[in-house]
Amino acid sequence: MGVKRNASYQNGENMAKKTDEELYDVAINMIGSVAKLPVIRVDREAFLRQQFAGSEYLDEILEHGPQHVYTAESLRRKADGLIKKSTN
């Protein structure tokens, strides 16, 4: 897919040469990098209550999720509307 790879890396030679300590350092650096990414936390119940406040199936939605009540197509339309609204 347009990514050039070194042939020795593809067959695992480079990974085999790394010591456990080097692999540990790589893992720790990766975790540190991921930890710096922005995170958005959402209160699932509050979000669902807000989005489906007028639904007669609210209790069922809270217990099993909206996919239990609505079709994937209708949820996609609702999600697209929410995305559009929040990005404007």
Protein backbone atom coordinates (compact mmCIF):
# COMPACT_ATOMS: atom_id res chain seq x y z
CA MET A 1 0.00 0.00 0.00
CA GLY A 2 2.76 2.40 -0.86
CA VAL A 3 4.88 1.55 2.20
CA LYS A 4 8.42 0.47 1.50
CA ARG A 5 9.82 -2.16 3.81
CA ASN A 6 13.30 -3.50 4.28
CA ALA A 7 13.37 -7.18 3.27
CA SER A 8 15.29 -8.16 6.40
CA TYR A 9 12.59 -6.58 8.55
CA GLN A 10 9.86 -8.52 6.77
CA ASN A 11 11.38 -11.88 7.60
CA GLY A 12 11.88 -10.95 11.25
CA GLU A 13 15.69 -10.74 11.32
CA ASN A 14 15.70 -7.27 12.89
CA MET A 15 13.18 -8.25 15.56
CA ALA A 16 15.14 -11.41 16.38
CA LYS A 17 18.27 -9.31 16.98
CA LYS A 18 16.54 -7.10 19.56
CA THR A 19 17.06 -8.01 23.17
CA ASP A 20 14.23 -8.23 25.66
CA GLU A 21 15.42 -4.97 27.18
CA GLU A 22 15.28 -3.18 23.81
CA LEU A 23 11.79 -4.54 23.17
CA TYR A 24 10.74 -3.40 26.64
CA ASP A 25 12.06 0.10 25.91
CA VAL A 26 10.14 0.21 22.63
CA ALA A 27 6.95 -0.89 24.42
CA ILE A 28 7.36 1.71 27.17
CA ASN A 29 7.98 4.46 24.61
CA MET A 30 4.87 3.40 22.69
CA ILE A 31 2.75 3.44 25.85
CA GLY A 32 4.12 6.89 26.72
CA SER A 33 3.25 8.19 23.26
CA VAL A 34 -0.28 6.80 23.39
CA ALA A 35 -0.81 8.22 26.87
CA LYS A 36 -0.15 11.73 25.52
CA LEU A 37 -2.97 11.49 22.97
CA PRO A 38 -6.09 13.49 23.82
CA VAL A 39 -8.89 11.45 25.35
CA ILE A 40 -12.55 12.26 25.50
CA ARG A 41 -14.56 10.57 28.20
CA VAL A 42 -18.30 10.19 27.79
CA ASP A 43 -20.80 9.21 30.45
CA ARG A 44 -22.59 6.54 28.43
CA GLU A 45 -25.84 6.62 30.38
CA ALA A 46 -26.10 10.42 30.34
CA PHE A 47 -25.34 10.48 26.61
CA LEU A 48 -27.96 7.85 25.82
CA ARG A 49 -30.54 9.55 28.06
CA GLN A 50 -29.95 12.83 26.24
CA GLN A 51 -30.04 11.37 22.73
CA PHE A 52 -33.03 9.07 23.24
CA ALA A 53 -34.96 11.14 25.80
CA GLY A 54 -38.20 10.95 23.83
CA SER A 55 -37.99 7.23 23.12
CA GLU A 56 -40.46 4.87 24.69
CA TYR A 57 -37.62 2.31 24.67
CA LEU A 58 -35.22 4.34 26.84
CA ASP A 59 -34.91 1.68 29.55
CA GLU A 60 -34.18 -1.00 26.96
CA ILE A 61 -31.64 1.28 25.25
CA LEU A 62 -29.86 1.91 28.56
CA GLU A 63 -29.72 -1.79 29.35
CA HIS A 64 -28.85 -3.27 25.94
CA GLY A 65 -27.74 -0.32 23.80
CA PRO A 66 -29.56 1.47 20.98
CA GLN A 67 -28.63 -1.24 18.44
CA HIS A 68 -31.04 -3.51 20.31
CA VAL A 69 -33.97 -1.26 19.37
CA TYR A 70 -32.99 0.61 16.21
CA THR A 71 -31.62 -0.53 12.86
CA ALA A 72 -28.01 0.15 11.92
CA GLU A 73 -29.22 2.46 9.14
CA SER A 74 -31.29 4.64 11.49
CA LEU A 75 -28.45 4.79 14.01
CA ARG A 76 -26.03 5.81 11.22
CA ARG A 77 -28.36 8.68 10.25
CA LYS A 78 -28.60 9.78 13.89
CA ALA A 79 -24.81 9.55 14.31
CA ASP A 80 -24.20 11.53 11.13
CA GLY A 81 -26.55 14.23 12.41
CA LEU A 82 -24.77 14.36 15.78
CA ILE A 83 -21.37 14.58 14.09
CA LYS A 84 -22.55 17.34 11.79
CA LYS A 85 -24.08 19.26 14.70
CA SER A 86 -21.00 18.96 16.91
CA THR A 87 -18.55 19.95 14.16
CA ASN A 88 -20.50 23.08 13.18
